[in-house]
């Protein structure tokens, strides 16, 4: 199994001006990752996204680090669906320039209201997603949605959308940590995701009960009011090895992408997390 890192994991250093989305490529290689995943490209002023994607691809080729996935924002309910589909199809073109075989896009960030819950949102979502993935299939790129974004972090909700789309080119980017945001057991929910798995994220959280005092800065609340804080893979409450075993049992042997969002130094956090994750992978998958 190859281990990738999301460019999002370097956000701390990017915000401080110590790295850029471009220079984190070489840093990821230096840390020992096998590939890199990009979130929406932070295109420099005066340059098209396509040109920036070509420069990133050239740099990845130079350092010998393939792009494992392209991850982009979307809202197929809150935005005009036709316009959003067209925009996502252009993102597929960018993914092709990057040389990746997969793209994850959001389904929606729009919260349900008492006149329009998930049941009424599924078919409009499925229709738009189907158009995007059909186009992506013609480019040799598989598309996915992820369990994230508060409303769509539950395994059953994500599964209901994927099965409604009903397209073999559309699957699940399973983030083992994000299930805690919806107060779900990550291992159980990974089991629900496994049949649809196209890509996986390794992420860890420290969890404190909502009955305890507010632990302060760095923590946020889950849907039911528990306190969560991102941390180094292997340092938190996510049963990483058990989730990996679920993936192995399903036959998954694709990329495992690290998303670090802790308050620890991100370079140290990624270095320790990668060492832990490689050990877990060896113990579950073998050498």
Protein backbone atom coordinates (compact mmCIF):
# COMPACT_ATOMS: atom_id res chain seq x y z
CA UNK A 1 0.00 0.00 0.00
CA UNK A 2 1.36 3.43 -0.96
CA UNK A 3 1.04 6.34 1.46
CA UNK A 4 0.26 9.80 0.13
CA UNK A 5 -0.03 13.16 1.86
CA UNK A 6 -2.58 15.90 1.24
CA UNK A 7 -1.25 19.36 0.49
CA UNK A 8 -3.81 20.44 3.12
CA UNK A 9 -1.53 18.86 5.74
CA UNK A 10 0.99 21.65 5.18
CA UNK A 11 -1.55 24.43 5.84
CA UNK A 12 0.28 25.56 9.01
CA UNK A 13 3.51 26.26 7.14
CA UNK A 14 1.73 27.65 4.08
CA UNK A 15 -0.13 30.15 6.30
CA UNK A 16 3.18 31.24 7.86
CA UNK A 17 4.84 31.67 4.46
CA UNK A 18 7.32 28.86 5.16
CA UNK A 19 5.99 26.71 2.31
CA UNK A 20 3.71 27.13 -0.70
CA UNK A 21 1.43 24.63 -2.35
CA UNK A 22 4.22 24.26 -4.91
CA UNK A 23 7.20 23.88 -2.55
CA UNK A 24 5.38 21.35 -0.34
CA UNK A 25 5.95 18.85 -3.18
CA UNK A 26 9.67 18.62 -2.44
CA UNK A 27 9.00 18.64 1.32
CA UNK A 28 6.59 15.71 0.96
CA UNK A 29 9.26 13.77 -0.94
CA UNK A 30 11.85 14.66 1.71
CA UNK A 31 9.56 13.36 4.46
CA UNK A 32 9.30 10.01 2.66
CA UNK A 33 5.77 9.99 1.23
CA UNK A 34 5.05 7.95 -1.90
CA UNK A 35 2.71 10.49 -3.51
CA UNK A 36 0.91 13.79 -2.93
CA UNK A 37 -2.77 14.73 -3.07
CA UNK A 38 -3.77 18.30 -3.92
CA UNK A 39 -6.75 20.25 -2.72
CA UNK A 40 -8.14 23.09 -4.87
CA UNK A 41 -5.12 24.69 -6.52
CA UNK A 42 -4.07 28.06 -5.13
CA UNK A 43 -3.30 29.47 -8.55
CA UNK A 44 -0.85 32.41 -8.60
CA UNK A 45 -2.19 35.72 -9.88
CA UNK A 46 -1.89 36.08 -13.63
CA UNK A 47 -1.70 32.35 -14.27
CA UNK A 48 -4.46 30.00 -15.37
CA UNK A 49 -5.30 26.98 -13.28
CA UNK A 50 -4.34 24.76 -16.21
CA UNK A 51 -0.88 26.34 -16.49
CA UNK A 52 -0.34 26.04 -12.74
CA UNK A 53 -1.39 22.38 -12.90
CA UNK A 54 1.21 21.80 -15.63
CA UNK A 55 3.91 23.41 -13.48
CA UNK A 56 2.91 21.25 -10.52
CA UNK A 57 2.99 18.14 -12.69
CA UNK A 58 6.47 19.06 -13.95
CA UNK A 59 7.70 19.56 -10.38
CA UNK A 60 6.19 16.27 -9.25
CA UNK A 61 7.92 14.53 -12.16
CA UNK A 62 11.20 16.24 -11.24
CA UNK A 63 11.17 15.02 -7.63
CA UNK A 64 9.57 11.66 -8.45
CA UNK A 65 6.31 12.11 -6.55
CA UNK A 66 3.08 11.23 -8.39
CA UNK A 67 -0.21 13.03 -7.75
CA UNK A 68 -2.49 10.47 -6.12
CA UNK A 69 -5.71 12.50 -6.12
CA UNK A 70 -7.23 15.93 -6.76
CA UNK A 71 -9.70 17.18 -4.14
CA UNK A 72 -12.08 20.05 -4.88
CA UNK A 73 -14.89 21.97 -3.23
CA UNK A 74 -18.42 21.75 -4.62
CA UNK A 75 -22.06 22.30 -3.68
CA UNK A 76 -24.52 20.72 -6.09
CA UNK A 77 -27.54 21.84 -4.04
CA UNK A 78 -26.56 25.29 -2.80
CA UNK A 79 -25.25 26.43 -6.19
CA UNK A 80 -26.84 26.35 -9.62
CA UNK A 81 -26.51 22.67 -10.47
CA UNK A 82 -25.81 23.08 -14.20
CA UNK A 83 -23.12 25.67 -13.55
CA UNK A 84 -21.60 23.56 -10.78
CA UNK A 85 -21.50 20.48 -13.01
CA UNK A 86 -19.77 22.46 -15.75
CA UNK A 87 -17.26 23.85 -13.24
CA UNK A 88 -16.50 20.37 -11.90
CA UNK A 89 -16.00 19.04 -15.42
CA UNK A 90 -13.30 21.70 -15.87
CA UNK A 91 -11.77 20.49 -12.60
CA UNK A 92 -11.66 17.02 -14.14
CA UNK A 93 -9.59 18.52 -16.96
CA UNK A 94 -7.20 19.94 -14.35
CA UNK A 95 -6.98 16.54 -12.67
CA UNK A 96 -6.01 15.05 -16.03
CA UNK A 97 -3.22 17.62 -16.41
CA UNK A 98 -1.97 16.72 -12.92
CA UNK A 99 -1.74 13.12 -14.09
CA UNK A 100 -3.96 11.65 -11.39
CA UNK A 101 -6.53 8.92 -11.98
CA UNK A 102 -8.99 10.17 -9.35
CA UNK A 103 -10.81 13.30 -8.19
CA UNK A 104 -12.84 13.83 -5.04
CA UNK A 105 -15.50 16.53 -5.05
CA UNK A 106 -18.00 17.57 -2.40
CA UNK A 107 -21.65 16.73 -2.86
CA UNK A 108 -23.17 19.64 -0.91
CA UNK A 109 -22.54 21.91 2.04
CA UNK A 110 -26.17 23.00 2.15
CA UNK A 111 -27.84 21.95 5.40
CA UNK A 112 -31.28 20.33 5.34
CA UNK A 113 -34.37 22.25 6.43
CA UNK A 114 -37.70 20.95 7.69
CA UNK A 115 -39.15 21.05 4.16
CA UNK A 116 -36.15 19.44 2.45
CA UNK A 117 -34.21 16.72 4.23
CA UNK A 118 -31.78 14.23 2.76
CA UNK A 119 -34.51 12.12 1.14
CA UNK A 120 -35.52 15.06 -1.04
CA UNK A 121 -31.91 16.02 -1.81
CA UNK A 122 -30.61 12.64 -2.96
CA UNK A 123 -31.93 12.56 -6.52
CA UNK A 124 -30.86 16.11 -7.47
CA UNK A 125 -27.42 15.33 -6.03
CA UNK A 126 -27.25 12.00 -7.82
CA UNK A 127 -28.19 13.55 -11.17
CA UNK A 128 -25.45 16.19 -10.99
CA UNK A 129 -22.84 13.74 -9.72
CA UNK A 130 -23.73 11.30 -12.52
CA UNK A 131 -23.06 13.96 -15.14
CA UNK A 132 -19.68 14.78 -13.61
CA UNK A 133 -18.54 11.18 -13.29
CA UNK A 134 -19.70 10.28 -16.80
CA UNK A 135 -17.52 13.07 -18.16
CA UNK A 136 -14.63 12.04 -15.91
CA UNK A 137 -14.91 8.44 -17.11
CA UNK A 138 -14.25 9.66 -20.65
CA UNK A 139 -10.99 11.13 -19.35
CA UNK A 140 -9.97 7.97 -17.49
CA UNK A 141 -10.56 9.56 -14.08
CA UNK A 142 -12.69 8.08 -11.30
CA UNK A 143 -14.65 10.48 -9.08
CA UNK A 144 -15.60 10.19 -5.43
CA UNK A 145 -17.35 11.86 -2.55
CA UNK A 146 -16.02 11.88 1.01
CA UNK A 147 -17.65 11.50 4.40
CA UNK A 148 -17.15 15.08 5.57
CA UNK A 149 -18.84 18.43 5.86
CA UNK A 150 -20.98 17.85 8.99
CA UNK A 151 -24.22 16.94 7.20
CA UNK A 152 -22.70 14.19 5.02
CA UNK A 153 -20.25 12.62 7.46
CA UNK A 154 -22.49 9.69 8.41
CA UNK A 155 -21.76 6.42 6.61
CA UNK A 156 -25.42 5.67 5.86
CA UNK A 157 -25.97 9.09 4.30
CA UNK A 158 -22.92 8.81 2.04
CA UNK A 159 -23.88 5.27 1.02
CA UNK A 160 -27.40 6.42 0.12
CA UNK A 161 -25.98 8.99 -2.32
CA UNK A 162 -23.42 6.65 -3.89
CA UNK A 163 -26.02 3.95 -4.49
CA UNK A 164 -28.44 6.52 -5.90
CA UNK A 165 -25.78 7.71 -8.36
CA UNK A 166 -25.39 4.06 -9.36
CA UNK A 167 -22.38 4.62 -11.63
CA UNK A 168 -19.33 2.31 -11.56
CA UNK A 169 -17.03 5.31 -12.01
CA UNK A 170 -18.24 6.95 -8.79
CA UNK A 171 -17.19 5.78 -5.35
CA UNK A 172 -16.14 6.72 -1.82
CA UNK A 173 -13.13 8.52 -0.42
CA UNK A 174 -13.30 7.06 3.08
CA UNK A 175 -11.83 9.29 5.79
CA UNK A 176 -11.46 7.09 8.85
CA UNK A 177 -11.27 10.07 11.21
CA UNK A 178 -14.20 12.12 9.96
CA UNK A 179 -16.78 9.63 11.21
CA UNK A 180 -16.05 10.90 14.73
CA UNK A 181 -17.45 14.28 13.70
CA UNK A 182 -20.81 12.52 13.41
CA UNK A 183 -20.12 10.48 16.59
CA UNK A 184 -19.83 7.21 14.68
CA UNK A 185 -17.49 4.30 15.37
CA UNK A 186 -14.81 4.65 12.67
CA UNK A 187 -14.19 0.92 12.26
CA UNK A 188 -17.90 0.13 11.90
CA UNK A 189 -18.41 2.96 9.42
CA UNK A 190 -15.30 1.97 7.42
CA UNK A 191 -16.97 -1.41 7.03
CA UNK A 192 -19.98 0.30 5.45
CA UNK A 193 -17.70 2.29 3.15
CA UNK A 194 -15.52 -0.64 2.11
CA UNK A 195 -17.66 -1.95 -0.81
CA UNK A 196 -17.47 1.48 -2.50
CA UNK A 197 -13.87 2.35 -1.62
CA UNK A 198 -11.79 4.20 -4.23
CA UNK A 199 -9.38 6.03 -1.89
CA UNK A 200 -8.78 6.34 1.85
CA UNK A 201 -7.65 9.04 4.27
CA UNK A 202 -5.79 8.37 7.50
CA UNK A 203 -6.64 11.01 10.08
CA UNK A 204 -6.67 11.02 13.86
CA UNK A 205 -8.51 12.97 16.56
CA UNK A 206 -8.28 13.39 20.29
CA UNK A 207 -11.80 13.00 21.71
CA UNK A 208 -13.22 14.29 24.98
CA UNK A 209 -16.76 13.77 26.19
CA UNK A 210 -19.20 16.63 25.88
CA UNK A 211 -19.90 16.12 29.59
CA UNK A 212 -16.36 17.29 30.40
CA UNK A 213 -15.31 20.94 30.68
CA UNK A 214 -14.51 22.71 27.41
CA UNK A 215 -10.80 21.92 26.74
CA UNK A 216 -10.34 25.24 24.98
CA UNK A 217 -8.42 26.35 21.91
CA UNK A 218 -7.82 23.76 19.21
CA UNK A 219 -10.97 21.74 19.88
CA UNK A 220 -14.28 21.80 18.04
CA UNK A 221 -17.56 20.03 18.71
CA UNK A 222 -18.97 16.93 17.06
CA UNK A 223 -22.62 16.88 16.10
CA UNK A 224 -23.63 15.57 19.54
CA UNK A 225 -21.33 17.94 21.42
CA UNK A 226 -18.21 15.88 22.04
CA UNK A 227 -14.90 17.73 21.81
CA UNK A 228 -12.50 16.83 18.98
CA UNK A 229 -8.99 17.97 18.14
CA UNK A 230 -6.94 16.85 15.17
CA UNK A 231 -3.70 15.13 16.09
CA UNK A 232 -0.85 12.95 14.82
CA UNK A 233 -1.88 9.63 13.29
CA UNK A 234 -1.58 7.06 16.05
CA UNK A 235 -1.91 9.57 18.90
CA UNK A 236 -5.68 9.84 19.03
CA UNK A 237 -8.87 7.85 19.39
CA UNK A 238 -9.24 6.60 15.79
CA UNK A 239 -8.64 2.81 15.66
CA UNK A 240 -6.31 3.14 12.69
CA UNK A 241 -5.11 -0.46 12.60
CA UNK A 242 -8.66 -1.80 12.85
CA UNK A 243 -9.76 0.47 9.98
CA UNK A 244 -6.82 -0.79 7.90
CA UNK A 245 -7.87 -4.36 8.64
CA UNK A 246 -11.36 -3.53 7.36
CA UNK A 247 -9.83 -2.14 4.17
CA UNK A 248 -7.64 -5.22 3.72
CA UNK A 249 -10.58 -7.57 4.27
CA UNK A 250 -12.44 -5.78 1.48
CA UNK A 251 -9.49 -6.21 -0.90
CA UNK A 252 -8.50 -2.54 -0.92
CA UNK A 253 -4.83 -1.92 -1.69
CA UNK A 254 -4.94 1.59 -3.13
CA UNK A 255 -3.55 4.86 -1.81
CA UNK A 256 -3.77 5.79 1.86
CA UNK A 257 -3.61 9.58 2.13
CA UNK A 258 -2.58 11.34 5.33
CA UNK A 259 -4.57 14.44 6.31
CA UNK A 260 -2.99 16.20 9.27
CA UNK A 261 -4.94 18.99 10.95
CA UNK A 262 -3.48 19.02 14.46
CA UNK A 263 -2.04 21.92 16.44
CA UNK A 264 1.33 20.16 16.67
CA UNK A 265 4.06 21.33 14.27
CA UNK A 266 2.86 19.94 10.96
CA UNK A 267 6.25 18.71 9.76
CA UNK A 268 6.92 16.88 13.00
CA UNK A 269 3.34 15.64 13.04
CA UNK A 270 3.60 14.29 9.51
CA UNK A 271 6.97 12.65 10.18
CA UNK A 272 5.75 10.85 13.31
CA UNK A 273 2.39 10.02 11.73
CA UNK A 274 4.00 8.56 8.62
CA UNK A 275 6.28 6.33 10.72
CA UNK A 276 3.29 5.13 12.75
CA UNK A 277 1.19 4.54 9.65
CA UNK A 278 3.91 2.58 7.86
CA UNK A 279 4.22 0.36 10.93
CA UNK A 280 0.45 -0.18 11.08
CA UNK A 281 0.34 -1.01 7.36
CA UNK A 282 3.15 -3.57 7.76
CA UNK A 283 1.38 -5.17 10.71
CA UNK A 284 -1.92 -5.43 8.82
CA UNK A 285 -0.90 -5.93 5.21
CA UNK A 286 2.52 -7.51 5.73
CA UNK A 287 5.80 -6.45 4.14
